Amino acid sequence: MDKIVRITQLSDNETDFAFWKNVSHTERLTQLEKIRQEFNGWKYGAEQRFQRVYTIIERP
């Protein structure tokens, strides 16, 4: 993906909508996953992994 920089006004939200409207569903989900991973890296300081779950059972 090429990096593109555009300077716009904060009140100009229509360009964002028009851009994402023209992007395929697969690419939208791919970009959303990248954003989610970056956020988790910033917030938790590590890559998100599966949670360990322990269950203690009593045997008769």
PDB file of N, CA and C in Angstrom:
ATOM      1  N   MET A   1       0.847  -1.167   0.000  1.00  0.00           N
ATOM      2  CA  MET A   1       0.000   0.000   0.000  1.00  0.00           C
ATOM      3  C   MET A   1       0.900   1.239   0.000  1.00  0.00           C
ATOM      4  N   ASP A   2       0.596   2.178  -0.856  1.00  0.00           N
ATOM      5  CA  ASP A   2       1.347   3.427  -0.917  1.00  0.00           C
ATOM      6  C   ASP A   2       0.881   4.364   0.180  1.00  0.00           C
ATOM      7  N   LYS A   3       1.835   5.061   0.791  1.00  0.00           N
ATOM      8  CA  LYS A   3       1.484   6.046   1.813  1.00  0.00           C
ATOM      9  C   LYS A   3       1.176   7.368   1.127  1.00  0.00           C
ATOM     10  N   ILE A   4       0.022   7.928   1.446  1.00  0.00           N
ATOM     11  CA  ILE A   4      -0.416   9.184   0.847  1.00  0.00           C
ATOM     12  C   ILE A   4      -0.755  10.155   1.964  1.00  0.00           C
ATOM     13  N   VAL A   5      -0.274  11.389   1.855  1.00  0.00           N
ATOM     14  CA  VAL A   5      -0.551  12.418   2.856  1.00  0.00           C
ATOM     15  C   VAL A   5      -1.342  13.530   2.191  1.00  0.00           C
ATOM     16  N   ARG A   6      -2.458  13.896   2.822  1.00  0.00           N
ATOM     17  CA  ARG A   6      -3.268  15.016   2.338  1.00  0.00           C
ATOM     18  C   ARG A   6      -3.562  15.929   3.511  1.00  0.00           C
ATOM     19  N   ILE A   7      -3.460  17.215   3.314  1.00  0.00           N
ATOM     20  CA  ILE A   7      -3.775  18.190   4.355  1.00  0.00           C
ATOM     21  C   ILE A   7      -5.195  18.679   4.111  1.00  0.00           C
ATOM     22  N   THR A   8      -6.060  18.487   5.121  1.00  0.00           N
ATOM     23  CA  THR A   8      -7.465  18.877   5.006  1.00  0.00           C
ATOM     24  C   THR A   8      -7.916  19.559   6.284  1.00  0.00           C
ATOM     25  N   GLN A   9      -9.108  20.092   6.251  1.00  0.00           N
ATOM     26  CA  GLN A   9      -9.716  20.703   7.422  1.00  0.00           C
ATOM     27  C   GLN A   9     -10.357  19.614   8.281  1.00  0.00           C
ATOM     28  N   LEU A  10     -10.429  19.832   9.590  1.00  0.00           N
ATOM     29  CA  LEU A  10     -11.055  18.857  10.474  1.00  0.00           C
ATOM     30  C   LEU A  10     -12.538  18.679  10.171  1.00  0.00           C
ATOM     31  N   SER A  11     -13.169  19.714   9.661  1.00  0.00           N
ATOM     32  CA  SER A  11     -14.600  19.640   9.365  1.00  0.00           C
ATOM     33  C   SER A  11     -14.896  18.866   8.079  1.00  0.00           C
ATOM     34  N   ASP A  12     -13.870  18.510   7.324  1.00  0.00           N
ATOM     35  CA  ASP A  12     -14.053  17.821   6.047  1.00  0.00           C
ATOM     36  C   ASP A  12     -14.011  16.306   6.250  1.00  0.00           C
ATOM     37  N   ASN A  13     -15.143  15.720   6.648  1.00  0.00           N
ATOM     38  CA  ASN A  13     -15.218  14.283   6.892  1.00  0.00           C
ATOM     39  C   ASN A  13     -15.666  13.505   5.668  1.00  0.00           C
ATOM     40  N   GLU A  14     -16.171  14.181   4.668  1.00  0.00           N
ATOM     41  CA  GLU A  14     -16.692  13.497   3.491  1.00  0.00           C
ATOM     42  C   GLU A  14     -15.600  12.782   2.713  1.00  0.00           C
ATOM     43  N   THR A  15     -14.379  13.302   2.724  1.00  0.00           N
ATOM     44  CA  THR A  15     -13.308  12.646   1.976  1.00  0.00           C
ATOM     45  C   THR A  15     -12.970  11.294   2.581  1.00  0.00           C
ATOM     46  N   ASP A  16     -13.003  11.171   3.906  1.00  0.00           N
ATOM     47  CA  ASP A  16     -12.757   9.884   4.549  1.00  0.00           C
ATOM     48  C   ASP A  16     -13.823   8.875   4.150  1.00  0.00           C
ATOM     49  N   PHE A  17     -15.067   9.297   4.197  1.00  0.00           N
ATOM     50  CA  PHE A  17     -16.166   8.408   3.838  1.00  0.00           C
ATOM     51  C   PHE A  17     -16.047   7.966   2.385  1.00  0.00           C
ATOM     52  N   ALA A  18     -15.753   8.890   1.506  1.00  0.00           N
ATOM     53  CA  ALA A  18     -15.631   8.560   0.083  1.00  0.00           C
ATOM     54  C   ALA A  18     -14.477   7.589  -0.150  1.00  0.00           C
ATOM     55  N   PHE A  19     -13.379   7.788   0.560  1.00  0.00           N
ATOM     56  CA  PHE A  19     -12.230   6.890   0.406  1.00  0.00           C
ATOM     57  C   PHE A  19     -12.594   5.471   0.825  1.00  0.00           C
ATOM     58  N   TRP A  20     -13.143   5.321   2.038  1.00  0.00           N
ATOM     59  CA  TRP A  20     -13.450   3.984   2.551  1.00  0.00           C
ATOM     60  C   TRP A  20     -14.606   3.334   1.798  1.00  0.00           C
ATOM     61  N   LYS A  21     -15.456   4.134   1.190  1.00  0.00           N
ATOM     62  CA  LYS A  21     -16.553   3.584   0.396  1.00  0.00           C
ATOM     63  C   LYS A  21     -16.016   2.866  -0.843  1.00  0.00           C
ATOM     64  N   ASN A  22     -14.896   3.351  -1.372  1.00  0.00           N
ATOM     65  CA  ASN A  22     -14.319   2.773  -2.584  1.00  0.00           C
ATOM     66  C   ASN A  22     -13.328   1.645  -2.313  1.00  0.00           C
ATOM     67  N   VAL A  23     -13.063   1.342  -1.046  1.00  0.00           N
ATOM     68  CA  VAL A  23     -12.125   0.275  -0.697  1.00  0.00           C
ATOM     69  C   VAL A  23     -12.916  -1.021  -0.501  1.00  0.00           C
ATOM     70  N   SER A  24     -12.327  -2.143  -0.913  1.00  0.00           N
ATOM     71  CA  SER A  24     -13.030  -3.428  -0.792  1.00  0.00           C
ATOM     72  C   SER A  24     -13.223  -3.817   0.672  1.00  0.00           C
ATOM     73  N   HIS A  25     -14.183  -4.693   0.902  1.00  0.00           N
ATOM     74  CA  HIS A  25     -14.479  -5.149   2.268  1.00  0.00           C
ATOM     75  C   HIS A  25     -13.265  -5.838   2.887  1.00  0.00           C
ATOM     76  N   THR A  26     -12.570  -6.625   2.092  1.00  0.00           N
ATOM     77  CA  THR A  26     -11.397  -7.338   2.593  1.00  0.00           C
ATOM     78  C   THR A  26     -10.316  -6.365   3.033  1.00  0.00           C
ATOM     79  N   GLU A  27     -10.078  -5.337   2.242  1.00  0.00           N
ATOM     80  CA  GLU A  27      -9.055  -4.345   2.592  1.00  0.00           C
ATOM     81  C   GLU A  27      -9.464  -3.555   3.832  1.00  0.00           C
ATOM     82  N   ARG A  28     -10.745  -3.252   3.980  1.00  0.00           N
ATOM     83  CA  ARG A  28     -11.218  -2.550   5.186  1.00  0.00           C
ATOM     84  C   ARG A  28     -10.944  -3.381   6.432  1.00  0.00           C
ATOM     85  N   LEU A  29     -11.273  -4.669   6.363  1.00  0.00           N
ATOM     86  CA  LEU A  29     -11.035  -5.546   7.510  1.00  0.00           C
ATOM     87  C   LEU A  29      -9.546  -5.712   7.797  1.00  0.00           C
ATOM     88  N   THR A  30      -8.737  -5.769   6.756  1.00  0.00           N
ATOM     89  CA  THR A  30      -7.287  -5.867   6.936  1.00  0.00           C
ATOM     90  C   THR A  30      -6.759  -4.636   7.650  1.00  0.00           C
ATOM     91  N   GLN A  31      -7.189  -3.461   7.231  1.00  0.00           N
ATOM     92  CA  GLN A  31      -6.739  -2.224   7.867  1.00  0.00           C
ATOM     93  C   GLN A  31      -7.258  -2.114   9.297  1.00  0.00           C
ATOM     94  N   LEU A  32      -8.482  -2.555   9.542  1.00  0.00           N
ATOM     95  CA  LEU A  32      -9.036  -2.542  10.895  1.00  0.00           C
ATOM     96  C   LEU A  32      -8.225  -3.441  11.818  1.00  0.00           C
ATOM     97  N   GLU A  33      -7.826  -4.604  11.327  1.00  0.00           N
ATOM     98  CA  GLU A  33      -7.011  -5.521  12.128  1.00  0.00           C
ATOM     99  C   GLU A  33      -5.645  -4.909  12.437  1.00  0.00           C
ATOM    100  N   LYS A  34      -5.049  -4.207  11.478  1.00  0.00           N
ATOM    101  CA  LYS A  34      -3.766  -3.531  11.726  1.00  0.00           C
ATOM    102  C   LYS A  34      -3.910  -2.464  12.811  1.00  0.00           C
ATOM    103  N   ILE A  35      -4.993  -1.700  12.746  1.00  0.00           N
ATOM    104  CA  ILE A  35      -5.237  -0.665  13.759  1.00  0.00           C
ATOM    105  C   ILE A  35      -5.427  -1.303  15.124  1.00  0.00           C
ATOM    106  N   ARG A  36      -6.171  -2.416  15.180  1.00  0.00           N
ATOM    107  CA  ARG A  36      -6.407  -3.113  16.445  1.00  0.00           C
ATOM    108  C   ARG A  36      -5.100  -3.622  17.044  1.00  0.00           C
ATOM    109  N   GLN A  37      -4.237  -4.194  16.210  1.00  0.00           N
ATOM    110  CA  GLN A  37      -2.955  -4.700  16.695  1.00  0.00           C
ATOM    111  C   GLN A  37      -2.062  -3.564  17.190  1.00  0.00           C
ATOM    112  N   GLU A  38      -2.031  -2.446  16.475  1.00  0.00           N
ATOM    113  CA  GLU A  38      -1.238  -1.296  16.918  1.00  0.00           C
ATOM    114  C   GLU A  38      -1.746  -0.762  18.250  1.00  0.00           C
ATOM    115  N   PHE A  39      -3.057  -0.656  18.399  1.00  0.00           N
ATOM    116  CA  PHE A  39      -3.643  -0.163  19.646  1.00  0.00           C
ATOM    117  C   PHE A  39      -3.291  -1.080  20.813  1.00  0.00           C
ATOM    118  N   ASN A  40      -3.422  -2.388  20.606  1.00  0.00           N
ATOM    119  CA  ASN A  40      -3.078  -3.331  21.671  1.00  0.00           C
ATOM    120  C   ASN A  40      -1.598  -3.249  22.019  1.00  0.00           C
ATOM    121  N   GLY A  41      -0.750  -3.015  21.033  1.00  0.00           N
ATOM    122  CA  GLY A  41       0.679  -2.852  21.301  1.00  0.00           C
ATOM    123  C   GLY A  41       0.954  -1.620  22.137  1.00  0.00           C
ATOM    124  N   TRP A  42       0.275  -0.522  21.853  1.00  0.00           N
ATOM    125  CA  TRP A  42       0.469   0.712  22.624  1.00  0.00           C
ATOM    126  C   TRP A  42      -0.095   0.573  24.031  1.00  0.00           C
ATOM    127  N   LYS A  43      -1.286  -0.010  24.135  1.00  0.00           N
ATOM    128  CA  LYS A  43      -1.957  -0.077  25.428  1.00  0.00           C
ATOM    129  C   LYS A  43      -1.343  -1.122  26.353  1.00  0.00           C
ATOM    130  N   TYR A  44      -1.048  -2.291  25.822  1.00  0.00           N
ATOM    131  CA  TYR A  44      -0.587  -3.387  26.660  1.00  0.00           C
ATOM    132  C   TYR A  44       0.917  -3.640  26.536  1.00  0.00           C
ATOM    133  N   GLY A  45       1.553  -3.050  25.553  1.00  0.00           N
ATOM    134  CA  GLY A  45       2.997  -3.191  25.402  1.00  0.00           C
ATOM    135  C   GLY A  45       3.448  -4.533  24.858  1.00  0.00           C
ATOM    136  N   ALA A  46       2.528  -5.321  24.365  1.00  0.00           N
ATOM    137  CA  ALA A  46       2.899  -6.627  23.823  1.00  0.00           C
ATOM    138  C   ALA A  46       1.838  -7.078  22.828  1.00  0.00           C
ATOM    139  N   GLU A  47       2.206  -8.102  22.086  1.00  0.00           N
ATOM    140  CA  GLU A  47       1.268  -8.670  21.129  1.00  0.00           C
ATOM    141  C   GLU A  47       0.203  -9.462  21.877  1.00  0.00           C
ATOM    142  N   GLN A  48      -1.034  -9.331  21.456  1.00  0.00           N
ATOM    143  CA  GLN A  48      -2.124 -10.030  22.118  1.00  0.00           C
ATOM    144  C   GLN A  48      -2.056 -11.515  21.787  1.00  0.00           C
ATOM    145  N   ARG A  49      -2.249 -12.331  22.800  1.00  0.00           N
ATOM    146  CA  ARG A  49      -2.228 -13.781  22.623  1.00  0.00           C
ATOM    147  C   ARG A  49      -3.459 -14.385  23.272  1.00  0.00           C
ATOM    148  N   PHE A  50      -3.559 -15.693  23.178  1.00  0.00           N
ATOM    149  CA  PHE A  50      -4.685 -16.378  23.802  1.00  0.00           C
ATOM    150  C   PHE A  50      -4.571 -16.301  25.320  1.00  0.00           C
ATOM    151  N   GLN A  51      -5.697 -16.156  25.962  1.00  0.00           N
ATOM    152  CA  GLN A  51      -5.739 -16.094  27.412  1.00  0.00           C
ATOM    153  C   GLN A  51      -5.658 -17.509  27.970  1.00  0.00           C
ATOM    154  N   ARG A  52      -4.863 -17.670  29.021  1.00  0.00           N
ATOM    155  CA  ARG A  52      -4.777 -18.970  29.683  1.00  0.00           C
ATOM    156  C   ARG A  52      -5.953 -19.116  30.633  1.00  0.00           C
ATOM    157  N   VAL A  53      -6.593 -20.250  30.550  1.00  0.00           N
ATOM    158  CA  VAL A  53      -7.744 -20.514  31.409  1.00  0.00           C
ATOM    159  C   VAL A  53      -7.485 -21.824  32.144  1.00  0.00           C
ATOM    160  N   TYR A  54      -7.574 -21.772  33.462  1.00  0.00           N
ATOM    161  CA  TYR A  54      -7.395 -22.963  34.283  1.00  0.00           C
ATOM    162  C   TYR A  54      -8.708 -23.284  34.969  1.00  0.00           C
ATOM    163  N   THR A  55      -9.014 -24.553  35.033  1.00  0.00           N
ATOM    164  CA  THR A  55     -10.207 -24.998  35.735  1.00  0.00           C
ATOM    165  C   THR A  55      -9.793 -26.066  36.737  1.00  0.00           C
ATOM    166  N   ILE A  56     -10.151 -25.867  37.982  1.00  0.00           N
ATOM    167  CA  ILE A  56      -9.842 -26.840  39.021  1.00  0.00           C
ATOM    168  C   ILE A  56     -11.085 -27.686  39.244  1.00  0.00           C
ATOM    169  N   ILE A  57     -10.894 -28.978  39.126  1.00  0.00           N
ATOM    170  CA  ILE A  57     -12.022 -29.884  39.330  1.00  0.00           C
ATOM    171  C   ILE A  57     -11.712 -30.797  40.510  1.00  0.00           C
ATOM    172  N   GLU A  58     -12.741 -31.230  41.178  1.00  0.00           N
ATOM    173  CA  GLU A  58     -12.573 -32.166  42.288  1.00  0.00           C
ATOM    174  C   GLU A  58     -12.964 -33.551  41.808  1.00  0.00           C
ATOM    175  N   ARG A  59     -12.083 -34.501  42.062  1.00  0.00           N
ATOM    176  CA  ARG A  59     -12.365 -35.876  41.680  1.00  0.00           C
ATOM    177  C   ARG A  59     -12.909 -36.623  42.885  1.00  0.00           C
ATOM    178  N   PRO A  60     -13.874 -37.481  42.644  1.00  0.00           N
ATOM    179  CA  PRO A  60     -14.436 -38.242  43.781  1.00  0.00           C
ATOM    180  C   PRO A  60     -13.472 -39.289  44.322  1.00  0.00           C
TER     181      PRO A  60
END
